[in-house]
Amino acid sequence: MEENSGRIVLCGANAYEQKYYFNEKFSRIPESIKEELHIICVLFTEEAGGVFTIVFEEDGSVSLETDAYEEDILYDEISSGLLVREIRMQRQELLESLSLYYRVFVLREAVDPLIGEQ
């Protein structure tokens, strides 16, 4: 699940198909982190509906994205936006760690300068 823009989906959940996806390209991420990501994605779609994905941007930053089918009248964009904001605040350390992981192990950036940014 790689997009042309250089973005790569880490994981996501789909309320319509009741499925969870984890990109096996990142199988070296510790199991406890994988489980936490699974919980975040599934709980999001249970509460807000639609599709929720966690994506690595080309620069290594992490994006949380939500979308819904046009005909889904139960999906509330405002509530989903608030949930994304809540996840960003409550899981800031996790998201920063994922970004660091991606930048070091995928983009092959030097570790020392990155640790100073945190």
PDB file of N, CA and C in Angstrom:
ATOM      1  N   MET A   1       0.831  -1.190   0.000  1.00  0.00           N
ATOM      2  CA  MET A   1       0.000   0.000   0.000  1.00  0.00           C
ATOM      3  C   MET A   1       0.868   1.243   0.000  1.00  0.00           C
ATOM      4  N   GLU A   2       1.524   1.477  -1.057  1.00  0.00           N
ATOM      5  CA  GLU A   2       2.364   2.660  -1.192  1.00  0.00           C
ATOM      6  C   GLU A   2       1.736   3.566  -2.236  1.00  0.00           C
ATOM      7  N   GLU A   3       1.668   4.827  -1.940  1.00  0.00           N
ATOM      8  CA  GLU A   3       1.087   5.777  -2.870  1.00  0.00           C
ATOM      9  C   GLU A   3       2.187   6.395  -3.716  1.00  0.00           C
ATOM     10  N   ASN A   4       1.815   6.932  -4.857  1.00  0.00           N
ATOM     11  CA  ASN A   4       2.781   7.528  -5.778  1.00  0.00           C
ATOM     12  C   ASN A   4       3.558   8.669  -5.151  1.00  0.00           C
ATOM     13  N   SER A   5       2.989   9.344  -4.180  1.00  0.00           N
ATOM     14  CA  SER A   5       3.618  10.517  -3.593  1.00  0.00           C
ATOM     15  C   SER A   5       4.750  10.171  -2.627  1.00  0.00           C
ATOM     16  N   GLY A   6       5.030   8.888  -2.427  1.00  0.00           N
ATOM     17  CA  GLY A   6       6.070   8.500  -1.484  1.00  0.00           C
ATOM     18  C   GLY A   6       5.534   8.232  -0.103  1.00  0.00           C
ATOM     19  N   ARG A   7       4.239   8.354   0.071  1.00  0.00           N
ATOM     20  CA  ARG A   7       3.600   8.070   1.354  1.00  0.00           C
ATOM     21  C   ARG A   7       3.382   6.564   1.468  1.00  0.00           C
ATOM     22  N   ILE A   8       3.500   6.051   2.691  1.00  0.00           N
ATOM     23  CA  ILE A   8       3.322   4.615   2.913  1.00  0.00           C
ATOM     24  C   ILE A   8       2.374   4.415   4.084  1.00  0.00           C
ATOM     25  N   VAL A   9       1.350   3.596   3.866  1.00  0.00           N
ATOM     26  CA  VAL A   9       0.404   3.282   4.928  1.00  0.00           C
ATOM     27  C   VAL A   9       1.065   2.315   5.904  1.00  0.00           C
ATOM     28  N   LEU A  10       1.023   2.668   7.174  1.00  0.00           N
ATOM     29  CA  LEU A  10       1.520   1.785   8.230  1.00  0.00           C
ATOM     30  C   LEU A  10       0.432   0.802   8.623  1.00  0.00           C
ATOM     31  N   CYS A  11      -0.756   1.335   8.923  1.00  0.00           N
ATOM     32  CA  CYS A  11      -1.857   0.474   9.319  1.00  0.00           C
ATOM     33  C   CYS A  11      -3.161   1.227   9.159  1.00  0.00           C
ATOM     34  N   GLY A  12      -4.256   0.493   9.271  1.00  0.00           N
ATOM     35  CA  GLY A  12      -5.552   1.138   9.164  1.00  0.00           C
ATOM     36  C   GLY A  12      -6.671   0.171   9.467  1.00  0.00           C
ATOM     37  N   ALA A  13      -7.842   0.729   9.652  1.00  0.00           N
ATOM     38  CA  ALA A  13      -9.032  -0.074   9.900  1.00  0.00           C
ATOM     39  C   ALA A  13     -10.171   0.475   9.050  1.00  0.00           C
ATOM     40  N   ASN A  14     -11.056  -0.430   8.659  1.00  0.00           N
ATOM     41  CA  ASN A  14     -12.168  -0.088   7.802  1.00  0.00           C
ATOM     42  C   ASN A  14     -13.453  -0.567   8.472  1.00  0.00           C
ATOM     43  N   ALA A  15     -14.311   0.365   8.860  1.00  0.00           N
ATOM     44  CA  ALA A  15     -15.558   0.010   9.547  1.00  0.00           C
ATOM     45  C   ALA A  15     -16.537  -0.684   8.607  1.00  0.00           C
ATOM     46  N   TYR A  16     -16.472  -0.380   7.319  1.00  0.00           N
ATOM     47  CA  TYR A  16     -17.409  -0.957   6.366  1.00  0.00           C
ATOM     48  C   TYR A  16     -17.147  -2.455   6.148  1.00  0.00           C
ATOM     49  N   GLU A  17     -15.887  -2.815   6.096  1.00  0.00           N
ATOM     50  CA  GLU A  17     -15.516  -4.219   5.874  1.00  0.00           C
ATOM     51  C   GLU A  17     -15.131  -4.920   7.172  1.00  0.00           C
ATOM     52  N   GLN A  18     -15.087  -4.159   8.265  1.00  0.00           N
ATOM     53  CA  GLN A  18     -14.670  -4.658   9.575  1.00  0.00           C
ATOM     54  C   GLN A  18     -13.335  -5.403   9.474  1.00  0.00           C
ATOM     55  N   LYS A  19     -12.358  -4.691   8.906  1.00  0.00           N
ATOM     56  CA  LYS A  19     -11.025  -5.261   8.730  1.00  0.00           C
ATOM     57  C   LYS A  19      -9.967  -4.312   9.262  1.00  0.00           C
ATOM     58  N   TYR A  20      -8.850  -4.917   9.670  1.00  0.00           N
ATOM     59  CA  TYR A  20      -7.675  -4.172  10.113  1.00  0.00           C
ATOM     60  C   TYR A  20      -6.524  -4.582   9.204  1.00  0.00           C
ATOM     61  N   TYR A  21      -5.690  -3.617   8.843  1.00  0.00           N
ATOM     62  CA  TYR A  21      -4.542  -3.880   7.979  1.00  0.00           C
ATOM     63  C   TYR A  21      -3.283  -3.368   8.667  1.00  0.00           C
ATOM     64  N   PHE A  22      -2.226  -4.174   8.633  1.00  0.00           N
ATOM     65  CA  PHE A  22      -0.915  -3.732   9.092  1.00  0.00           C
ATOM     66  C   PHE A  22       0.079  -4.048   7.985  1.00  0.00           C
ATOM     67  N   ASN A  23       0.841  -3.056   7.562  1.00  0.00           N
ATOM     68  CA  ASN A  23       1.809  -3.215   6.480  1.00  0.00           C
ATOM     69  C   ASN A  23       2.995  -4.049   6.981  1.00  0.00           C
ATOM     70  N   GLU A  24       3.158  -5.233   6.426  1.00  0.00           N
ATOM     71  CA  GLU A  24       4.204  -6.151   6.865  1.00  0.00           C
ATOM     72  C   GLU A  24       5.618  -5.642   6.567  1.00  0.00           C
ATOM     73  N   LYS A  25       5.720  -4.583   5.796  1.00  0.00           N
ATOM     74  CA  LYS A  25       7.032  -3.959   5.585  1.00  0.00           C
ATOM     75  C   LYS A  25       7.614  -3.478   6.918  1.00  0.00           C
ATOM     76  N   PHE A  26       6.741  -3.270   7.897  1.00  0.00           N
ATOM     77  CA  PHE A  26       7.151  -2.776   9.205  1.00  0.00           C
ATOM     78  C   PHE A  26       7.036  -3.868  10.273  1.00  0.00           C
ATOM     79  N   SER A  27       7.250  -5.097   9.895  1.00  0.00           N
ATOM     80  CA  SER A  27       7.098  -6.232  10.811  1.00  0.00           C
ATOM     81  C   SER A  27       8.094  -6.187  11.974  1.00  0.00           C
ATOM     82  N   ARG A  28       9.181  -5.424  11.844  1.00  0.00           N
ATOM     83  CA  ARG A  28      10.177  -5.344  12.925  1.00  0.00           C
ATOM     84  C   ARG A  28       9.752  -4.407  14.060  1.00  0.00           C
ATOM     85  N   ILE A  29       8.648  -3.726  13.896  1.00  0.00           N
ATOM     86  CA  ILE A  29       8.122  -2.902  14.999  1.00  0.00           C
ATOM     87  C   ILE A  29       7.725  -3.856  16.122  1.00  0.00           C
ATOM     88  N   PRO A  30       8.053  -3.533  17.367  1.00  0.00           N
ATOM     89  CA  PRO A  30       7.730  -4.425  18.489  1.00  0.00           C
ATOM     90  C   PRO A  30       6.232  -4.771  18.558  1.00  0.00           C
ATOM     91  N   GLU A  31       5.948  -5.988  18.991  1.00  0.00           N
ATOM     92  CA  GLU A  31       4.571  -6.481  19.068  1.00  0.00           C
ATOM     93  C   GLU A  31       3.679  -5.576  19.920  1.00  0.00           C
ATOM     94  N   SER A  32       4.212  -5.062  21.021  1.00  0.00           N
ATOM     95  CA  SER A  32       3.394  -4.206  21.889  1.00  0.00           C
ATOM     96  C   SER A  32       2.937  -2.951  21.151  1.00  0.00           C
ATOM     97  N   ILE A  33       3.791  -2.415  20.290  1.00  0.00           N
ATOM     98  CA  ILE A  33       3.433  -1.232  19.495  1.00  0.00           C
ATOM     99  C   ILE A  33       2.402  -1.622  18.443  1.00  0.00           C
ATOM    100  N   LYS A  34       2.598  -2.769  17.802  1.00  0.00           N
ATOM    101  CA  LYS A  34       1.627  -3.249  16.809  1.00  0.00           C
ATOM    102  C   LYS A  34       0.252  -3.405  17.446  1.00  0.00           C
ATOM    103  N   GLU A  35       0.212  -3.968  18.655  1.00  0.00           N
ATOM    104  CA  GLU A  35      -1.064  -4.155  19.349  1.00  0.00           C
ATOM    105  C   GLU A  35      -1.713  -2.822  19.675  1.00  0.00           C
ATOM    106  N   GLU A  36      -0.904  -1.861  20.105  1.00  0.00           N
ATOM    107  CA  GLU A  36      -1.434  -0.528  20.416  1.00  0.00           C
ATOM    108  C   GLU A  36      -2.004   0.138  19.160  1.00  0.00           C
ATOM    109  N   LEU A  37      -1.302   0.010  18.043  1.00  0.00           N
ATOM    110  CA  LEU A  37      -1.787   0.567  16.787  1.00  0.00           C
ATOM    111  C   LEU A  37      -3.099  -0.094  16.371  1.00  0.00           C
ATOM    112  N   HIS A  38      -3.166  -1.399  16.553  1.00  0.00           N
ATOM    113  CA  HIS A  38      -4.375  -2.154  16.222  1.00  0.00           C
ATOM    114  C   HIS A  38      -5.556  -1.621  17.035  1.00  0.00           C
ATOM    115  N   ILE A  39      -5.342  -1.452  18.325  1.00  0.00           N
ATOM    116  CA  ILE A  39      -6.394  -0.957  19.210  1.00  0.00           C
ATOM    117  C   ILE A  39      -6.828   0.451  18.806  1.00  0.00           C
ATOM    118  N   ILE A  40      -5.874   1.323  18.545  1.00  0.00           N
ATOM    119  CA  ILE A  40      -6.189   2.706  18.154  1.00  0.00           C
ATOM    120  C   ILE A  40      -7.065   2.715  16.904  1.00  0.00           C
ATOM    121  N   CYS A  41      -6.651   1.967  15.887  1.00  0.00           N
ATOM    122  CA  CYS A  41      -7.376   1.968  14.608  1.00  0.00           C
ATOM    123  C   CYS A  41      -8.783   1.395  14.747  1.00  0.00           C
ATOM    124  N   VAL A  42      -8.889   0.258  15.411  1.00  0.00           N
ATOM    125  CA  VAL A  42     -10.190  -0.397  15.530  1.00  0.00           C
ATOM    126  C   VAL A  42     -11.141   0.430  16.398  1.00  0.00           C
ATOM    127  N   LEU A  43     -10.652   0.951  17.516  1.00  0.00           N
ATOM    128  CA  LEU A  43     -11.515   1.775  18.369  1.00  0.00           C
ATOM    129  C   LEU A  43     -11.985   3.032  17.637  1.00  0.00           C
ATOM    130  N   PHE A  44     -11.102   3.610  16.829  1.00  0.00           N
ATOM    131  CA  PHE A  44     -11.489   4.798  16.061  1.00  0.00           C
ATOM    132  C   PHE A  44     -12.662   4.475  15.147  1.00  0.00           C
ATOM    133  N   THR A  45     -12.547   3.390  14.381  1.00  0.00           N
ATOM    134  CA  THR A  45     -13.608   3.066  13.426  1.00  0.00           C
ATOM    135  C   THR A  45     -14.883   2.605  14.126  1.00  0.00           C
ATOM    136  N   GLU A  46     -14.757   2.010  15.302  1.00  0.00           N
ATOM    137  CA  GLU A  46     -15.958   1.637  16.053  1.00  0.00           C
ATOM    138  C   GLU A  46     -16.699   2.873  16.546  1.00  0.00           C
ATOM    139  N   GLU A  47     -15.943   3.882  16.930  1.00  0.00           N
ATOM    140  CA  GLU A  47     -16.569   5.094  17.461  1.00  0.00           C
ATOM    141  C   GLU A  47     -17.030   6.044  16.362  1.00  0.00           C
ATOM    142  N   ALA A  48     -16.198   6.252  15.349  1.00  0.00           N
ATOM    143  CA  ALA A  48     -16.501   7.253  14.329  1.00  0.00           C
ATOM    144  C   ALA A  48     -16.999   6.655  13.021  1.00  0.00           C
ATOM    145  N   GLY A  49     -16.696   5.384  12.778  1.00  0.00           N
ATOM    146  CA  GLY A  49     -17.048   4.778  11.501  1.00  0.00           C
ATOM    147  C   GLY A  49     -16.017   5.119  10.445  1.00  0.00           C
ATOM    148  N   GLY A  50     -16.329   4.818   9.225  1.00  0.00           N
ATOM    149  CA  GLY A  50     -15.457   5.152   8.106  1.00  0.00           C
ATOM    150  C   GLY A  50     -14.182   4.333   8.055  1.00  0.00           C
ATOM    151  N   VAL A  51     -13.160   4.943   7.492  1.00  0.00           N
ATOM    152  CA  VAL A  51     -11.851   4.319   7.323  1.00  0.00           C
ATOM    153  C   VAL A  51     -10.826   5.200   8.019  1.00  0.00           C
ATOM    154  N   PHE A  52      -9.948   4.576   8.794  1.00  0.00           N
ATOM    155  CA  PHE A  52      -8.914   5.306   9.523  1.00  0.00           C
ATOM    156  C   PHE A  52      -7.570   4.701   9.176  1.00  0.00           C
ATOM    157  N   THR A  53      -6.608   5.536   8.799  1.00  0.00           N
ATOM    158  CA  THR A  53      -5.269   5.042   8.469  1.00  0.00           C
ATOM    159  C   THR A  53      -4.199   5.892   9.144  1.00  0.00           C
ATOM    160  N   ILE A  54      -3.083   5.220   9.437  1.00  0.00           N
ATOM    161  CA  ILE A  54      -1.889   5.889   9.938  1.00  0.00           C
ATOM    162  C   ILE A  54      -0.856   5.752   8.830  1.00  0.00           C
ATOM    163  N   VAL A  55      -0.336   6.898   8.385  1.00  0.00           N
ATOM    164  CA  VAL A  55       0.497   6.949   7.186  1.00  0.00           C
ATOM    165  C   VAL A  55       1.821   7.630   7.490  1.00  0.00           C
ATOM    166  N   PHE A  56       2.900   7.069   6.926  1.00  0.00           N
ATOM    167  CA  PHE A  56       4.189   7.748   6.961  1.00  0.00           C
ATOM    168  C   PHE A  56       4.281   8.646   5.738  1.00  0.00           C
ATOM    169  N   GLU A  57       4.576   9.915   5.981  1.00  0.00           N
ATOM    170  CA  GLU A  57       4.782  10.865   4.884  1.00  0.00           C
ATOM    171  C   GLU A  57       6.184  10.667   4.322  1.00  0.00           C
ATOM    172  N   GLU A  58       6.439  11.252   3.183  1.00  0.00           N
ATOM    173  CA  GLU A  58       7.736  11.122   2.527  1.00  0.00           C
ATOM    174  C   GLU A  58       8.887  11.600   3.409  1.00  0.00           C
ATOM    175  N   ASP A  59       8.631  12.621   4.244  1.00  0.00           N
ATOM    176  CA  ASP A  59       9.673  13.168   5.114  1.00  0.00           C
ATOM    177  C   ASP A  59       9.825  12.410   6.432  1.00  0.00           C
ATOM    178  N   GLY A  60       8.994  11.384   6.646  1.00  0.00           N
ATOM    179  CA  GLY A  60       9.083  10.581   7.858  1.00  0.00           C
ATOM    180  C   GLY A  60       8.070  10.957   8.922  1.00  0.00           C
ATOM    181  N   SER A  61       7.343  12.032   8.719  1.00  0.00           N
ATOM    182  CA  SER A  61       6.311  12.395   9.699  1.00  0.00           C
ATOM    183  C   SER A  61       5.140  11.421   9.601  1.00  0.00           C
ATOM    184  N   VAL A  62       4.327  11.402  10.644  1.00  0.00           N
ATOM    185  CA  VAL A  62       3.199  10.474  10.711  1.00  0.00           C
ATOM    186  C   VAL A  62       1.900  11.260  10.576  1.00  0.00           C
ATOM    187  N   SER A  63       1.021  10.787   9.696  1.00  0.00           N
ATOM    188  CA  SER A  63      -0.291  11.409   9.515  1.00  0.00           C
ATOM    189  C   SER A  63      -1.379  10.440   9.935  1.00  0.00           C
ATOM    190  N   LEU A  64      -2.424  10.982  10.529  1.00  0.00           N
ATOM    191  CA  LEU A  64      -3.611  10.219  10.881  1.00  0.00           C
ATOM    192  C   LEU A  64      -4.706  10.692   9.936  1.00  0.00           C
ATOM    193  N   GLU A  65      -5.286   9.754   9.199  1.00  0.00           N
ATOM    194  CA  GLU A  65      -6.267  10.145   8.189  1.00  0.00           C
ATOM    195  C   GLU A  65      -7.560   9.369   8.374  1.00  0.00           C
ATOM    196  N   THR A  66      -8.641  10.041   8.102  1.00  0.00           N
ATOM    197  CA  THR A  66      -9.950   9.414   8.185  1.00  0.00           C
ATOM    198  C   THR A  66     -10.760   9.795   6.962  1.00  0.00           C
ATOM    199  N   ASP A  67     -11.586   8.872   6.539  1.00  0.00           N
ATOM    200  CA  ASP A  67     -12.394   9.088   5.349  1.00  0.00           C
ATOM    201  C   ASP A  67     -13.654   8.242   5.470  1.00  0.00           C
ATOM    202  N   ALA A  68     -14.635   8.563   4.670  1.00  0.00           N
ATOM    203  CA  ALA A  68     -15.880   7.810   4.699  1.00  0.00           C
ATOM    204  C   ALA A  68     -16.488   7.792   3.299  1.00  0.00           C
ATOM    205  N   TYR A  69     -17.330   6.816   3.080  1.00  0.00           N
ATOM    206  CA  TYR A  69     -18.070   6.760   1.822  1.00  0.00           C
ATOM    207  C   TYR A  69     -19.045   7.927   1.781  1.00  0.00           C
ATOM    208  N   GLU A  70     -19.267   8.481   0.603  1.00  0.00           N
ATOM    209  CA  GLU A  70     -20.159   9.625   0.459  1.00  0.00           C
ATOM    210  C   GLU A  70     -21.559   9.329   0.971  1.00  0.00           C
ATOM    211  N   GLU A  71     -22.023   8.107   0.768  1.00  0.00           N
ATOM    212  CA  GLU A  71     -23.382   7.750   1.153  1.00  0.00           C
ATOM    213  C   GLU A  71     -23.529   7.390   2.634  1.00  0.00           C
ATOM    214  N   ASP A  72     -22.441   7.460   3.394  1.00  0.00           N
ATOM    215  CA  ASP A  72     -22.478   7.132   4.818  1.00  0.00           C
ATOM    216  C   ASP A  72     -23.013   8.327   5.611  1.00  0.00           C
ATOM    217  N   ILE A  73     -24.300   8.308   5.911  1.00  0.00           N
ATOM    218  CA  ILE A  73     -24.915   9.434   6.612  1.00  0.00           C
ATOM    219  C   ILE A  73     -24.629   9.412   8.115  1.00  0.00           C
ATOM    220  N   LEU A  74     -24.116   8.300   8.641  1.00  0.00           N
ATOM    221  CA  LEU A  74     -23.818   8.201  10.063  1.00  0.00           C
ATOM    222  C   LEU A  74     -22.427   8.723  10.423  1.00  0.00           C
ATOM    223  N   TYR A  75     -21.569   8.877   9.417  1.00  0.00           N
ATOM    224  CA  TYR A  75     -20.204   9.359   9.646  1.00  0.00           C
ATOM    225  C   TYR A  75     -20.231  10.849   9.938  1.00  0.00           C
ATOM    226  N   ASP A  76     -19.570  11.247  11.006  1.00  0.00           N
ATOM    227  CA  ASP A  76     -19.537  12.651  11.420  1.00  0.00           C
ATOM    228  C   ASP A  76     -18.100  13.171  11.310  1.00  0.00           C
ATOM    229  N   GLU A  77     -17.868  14.034  10.339  1.00  0.00           N
ATOM    230  CA  GLU A  77     -16.517  14.557  10.112  1.00  0.00           C
ATOM    231  C   GLU A  77     -15.978  15.333  11.315  1.00  0.00           C
ATOM    232  N   ILE A  78     -16.839  16.057  11.986  1.00  0.00           N
ATOM    233  CA  ILE A  78     -16.399  16.854  13.138  1.00  0.00           C
ATOM    234  C   ILE A  78     -15.939  15.935  14.260  1.00  0.00           C
ATOM    235  N   SER A  79     -16.731  14.925  14.571  1.00  0.00           N
ATOM    236  CA  SER A  79     -16.353  13.977  15.624  1.00  0.00           C
ATOM    237  C   SER A  79     -15.072  13.234  15.271  1.00  0.00           C
ATOM    238  N   SER A  80     -14.950  12.840  14.006  1.00  0.00           N
ATOM    239  CA  SER A  80     -13.737  12.126  13.615  1.00  0.00           C
ATOM    240  C   SER A  80     -12.513  13.032  13.707  1.00  0.00           C
ATOM    241  N   GLY A  81     -12.683  14.304  13.378  1.00  0.00           N
ATOM    242  CA  GLY A  81     -11.584  15.257  13.511  1.00  0.00           C
ATOM    243  C   GLY A  81     -11.170  15.436  14.964  1.00  0.00           C
ATOM    244  N   LEU A  82     -12.157  15.472  15.847  1.00  0.00           N
ATOM    245  CA  LEU A  82     -11.864  15.578  17.277  1.00  0.00           C
ATOM    246  C   LEU A  82     -11.156  14.326  17.791  1.00  0.00           C
ATOM    247  N   LEU A  83     -11.558  13.168  17.293  1.00  0.00           N
ATOM    248  CA  LEU A  83     -10.901  11.919  17.690  1.00  0.00           C
ATOM    249  C   LEU A  83      -9.449  11.891  17.222  1.00  0.00           C
ATOM    250  N   VAL A  84      -9.201  12.340  16.007  1.00  0.00           N
ATOM    251  CA  VAL A  84      -7.827  12.402  15.492  1.00  0.00           C
ATOM    252  C   VAL A  84      -6.996  13.312  16.391  1.00  0.00           C
ATOM    253  N   ARG A  85      -7.555  14.448  16.745  1.00  0.00           N
ATOM    254  CA  ARG A  85      -6.848  15.395  17.618  1.00  0.00           C
ATOM    255  C   ARG A  85      -6.550  14.761  18.977  1.00  0.00           C
ATOM    256  N   GLU A  86      -7.523  14.042  19.518  1.00  0.00           N
ATOM    257  CA  GLU A  86      -7.351  13.376  20.806  1.00  0.00           C
ATOM    258  C   GLU A  86      -6.248  12.317  20.742  1.00  0.00           C
ATOM    259  N   ILE A  87      -6.238  11.547  19.663  1.00  0.00           N
ATOM    260  CA  ILE A  87      -5.195  10.525  19.492  1.00  0.00           C
ATOM    261  C   ILE A  87      -3.827  11.204  19.401  1.00  0.00           C
ATOM    262  N   ARG A  88      -3.740  12.285  18.631  1.00  0.00           N
ATOM    263  CA  ARG A  88      -2.466  13.007  18.498  1.00  0.00           C
ATOM    264  C   ARG A  88      -1.954  13.494  19.858  1.00  0.00           C
ATOM    265  N   MET A  89      -2.851  13.965  20.701  1.00  0.00           N
ATOM    266  CA  MET A  89      -2.440  14.479  22.009  1.00  0.00           C
ATOM    267  C   MET A  89      -2.077  13.333  22.956  1.00  0.00           C
ATOM    268  N   GLN A  90      -2.917  12.308  23.019  1.00  0.00           N
ATOM    269  CA  GLN A  90      -2.708  11.230  23.979  1.00  0.00           C
ATOM    270  C   GLN A  90      -1.599  10.265  23.555  1.00  0.00           C
ATOM    271  N   ARG A  91      -1.351  10.166  22.280  1.00  0.00           N
ATOM    272  CA  ARG A  91      -0.349   9.218  21.771  1.00  0.00           C
ATOM    273  C   ARG A  91       0.819   9.923  21.099  1.00  0.00           C
ATOM    274  N   GLN A  92       1.098  11.145  21.529  1.00  0.00           N
ATOM    275  CA  GLN A  92       2.159  11.948  20.915  1.00  0.00           C
ATOM    276  C   GLN A  92       3.504  11.220  20.950  1.00  0.00           C
ATOM    277  N   GLU A  93       3.830  10.642  22.084  1.00  0.00           N
ATOM    278  CA  GLU A  93       5.112   9.945  22.220  1.00  0.00           C
ATOM    279  C   GLU A  93       5.197   8.754  21.268  1.00  0.00           C
ATOM    280  N   LEU A  94       4.112   8.007  21.150  1.00  0.00           N
ATOM    281  CA  LEU A  94       4.076   6.871  20.221  1.00  0.00           C
ATOM    282  C   LEU A  94       4.283   7.348  18.792  1.00  0.00           C
ATOM    283  N   LEU A  95       3.591   8.397  18.392  1.00  0.00           N
ATOM    284  CA  LEU A  95       3.699   8.906  17.028  1.00  0.00           C
ATOM    285  C   LEU A  95       5.100   9.446  16.734  1.00  0.00           C
ATOM    286  N   GLU A  96       5.703  10.106  17.713  1.00  0.00           N
ATOM    287  CA  GLU A  96       7.078  10.593  17.539  1.00  0.00           C
ATOM    288  C   GLU A  96       8.053   9.425  17.418  1.00  0.00           C
ATOM    289  N   SER A  97       7.837   8.388  18.193  1.00  0.00           N
ATOM    290  CA  SER A  97       8.699   7.199  18.127  1.00  0.00           C
ATOM    291  C   SER A  97       8.564   6.501  16.783  1.00  0.00           C
ATOM    292  N   LEU A  98       7.343   6.426  16.264  1.00  0.00           N
ATOM    293  CA  LEU A  98       7.131   5.821  14.944  1.00  0.00           C
ATOM    294  C   LEU A  98       7.846   6.628  13.865  1.00  0.00           C
ATOM    295  N   SER A  99       7.765   7.939  13.972  1.00  0.00           N
ATOM    296  CA  SER A  99       8.443   8.803  13.017  1.00  0.00           C
ATOM    297  C   SER A  99       9.952   8.579  13.072  1.00  0.00           C
ATOM    298  N   LEU A 100      10.493   8.506  14.272  1.00  0.00           N
ATOM    299  CA  LEU A 100      11.929   8.264  14.446  1.00  0.00           C
ATOM    300  C   LEU A 100      12.313   6.904  13.851  1.00  0.00           C
ATOM    301  N   TYR A 101      11.513   5.887  14.133  1.00  0.00           N
ATOM    302  CA  TYR A 101      11.744   4.546  13.585  1.00  0.00           C
ATOM    303  C   TYR A 101      11.812   4.607  12.058  1.00  0.00           C
ATOM    304  N   TYR A 102      10.836   5.254  11.448  1.00  0.00           N
ATOM    305  CA  TYR A 102      10.762   5.335   9.992  1.00  0.00           C
ATOM    306  C   TYR A 102      11.973   6.079   9.423  1.00  0.00           C
ATOM    307  N   ARG A 103      12.312   7.194  10.056  1.00  0.00           N
ATOM    308  CA  ARG A 103      13.420   7.998   9.543  1.00  0.00           C
ATOM    309  C   ARG A 103      14.754   7.261   9.654  1.00  0.00           C
ATOM    310  N   VAL A 104      14.938   6.467  10.719  1.00  0.00           N
ATOM    311  CA  VAL A 104      16.203   5.749  10.911  1.00  0.00           C
ATOM    312  C   VAL A 104      16.256   4.469  10.077  1.00  0.00           C
ATOM    313  N   PHE A 105      15.208   3.643  10.144  1.00  0.00           N
ATOM    314  CA  PHE A 105      15.267   2.321   9.526  1.00  0.00           C
ATOM    315  C   PHE A 105      14.806   2.278   8.074  1.00  0.00           C
ATOM    316  N   VAL A 106      13.983   3.221   7.654  1.00  0.00           N
ATOM    317  CA  VAL A 106      13.514   3.218   6.264  1.00  0.00           C
ATOM    318  C   VAL A 106      14.241   4.273   5.441  1.00  0.00           C
ATOM    319  N   LEU A 107      14.277   5.503   5.953  1.00  0.00           N
ATOM    320  CA  LEU A 107      14.943   6.580   5.213  1.00  0.00           C
ATOM    321  C   LEU A 107      16.454   6.586   5.412  1.00  0.00           C
ATOM    322  N   ARG A 108      16.915   5.812   6.411  1.00  0.00           N
ATOM    323  CA  ARG A 108      18.350   5.667   6.707  1.00  0.00           C
ATOM    324  C   ARG A 108      19.014   6.981   7.092  1.00  0.00           C
ATOM    325  N   GLU A 109      18.292   7.813   7.838  1.00  0.00           N
ATOM    326  CA  GLU A 109      18.877   9.056   8.331  1.00  0.00           C
ATOM    327  C   GLU A 109      19.768   8.751   9.536  1.00  0.00           C
ATOM    328  N   ALA A 110      20.749   9.592   9.780  1.00  0.00           N
ATOM    329  CA  ALA A 110      21.635   9.420  10.925  1.00  0.00           C
ATOM    330  C   ALA A 110      20.856   9.602  12.215  1.00  0.00           C
ATOM    331  N   VAL A 111      21.163   8.799  13.220  1.00  0.00           N
ATOM    332  CA  VAL A 111      20.420   8.812  14.478  1.00  0.00           C
ATOM    333  C   VAL A 111      20.721  10.041  15.317  1.00  0.00           C
ATOM    334  N   ASP A 112      21.985  10.415  15.463  1.00  0.00           N
ATOM    335  CA  ASP A 112      22.369  11.495  16.360  1.00  0.00           C
ATOM    336  C   ASP A 112      21.610  12.809  16.125  1.00  0.00           C
ATOM    337  N   PRO A 113      21.528  13.309  14.901  1.00  0.00           N
ATOM    338  CA  PRO A 113      20.812  14.571  14.703  1.00  0.00           C
ATOM    339  C   PRO A 113      19.312  14.429  15.009  1.00  0.00           C
ATOM    340  N   LEU A 114      18.753  13.262  14.787  1.00  0.00           N
ATOM    341  CA  LEU A 114      17.328  13.057  15.017  1.00  0.00           C
ATOM    342  C   LEU A 114      16.983  13.060  16.492  1.00  0.00           C
ATOM    343  N   ILE A 115      17.841  12.508  17.293  1.00  0.00           N
ATOM    344  CA  ILE A 115      17.584  12.448  18.737  1.00  0.00           C
ATOM    345  C   ILE A 115      17.603  13.852  19.320  1.00  0.00           C
ATOM    346  N   GLY A 116      18.431  14.715  18.784  1.00  0.00           N
ATOM    347  CA  GLY A 116      18.475  16.096  19.234  1.00  0.00           C
ATOM    348  C   GLY A 116      17.203  16.864  18.925  1.00  0.00           C
ATOM    349  N   GLU A 117      16.443  16.437  17.889  1.00  0.00           N
ATOM    350  CA  GLU A 117      15.195  17.100  17.512  1.00  0.00           C
ATOM    351  C   GLU A 117      14.074  16.822  18.489  1.00  0.00           C
ATOM    352  N   GLN A 118      14.108  15.704  19.173  1.00  0.00           N
ATOM    353  CA  GLN A 118      12.994  15.263  20.019  1.00  0.00           C
ATOM    354  C   GLN A 118      12.775  16.136  21.197  1.00  0.00           C
TER     355      GLN A 118
END
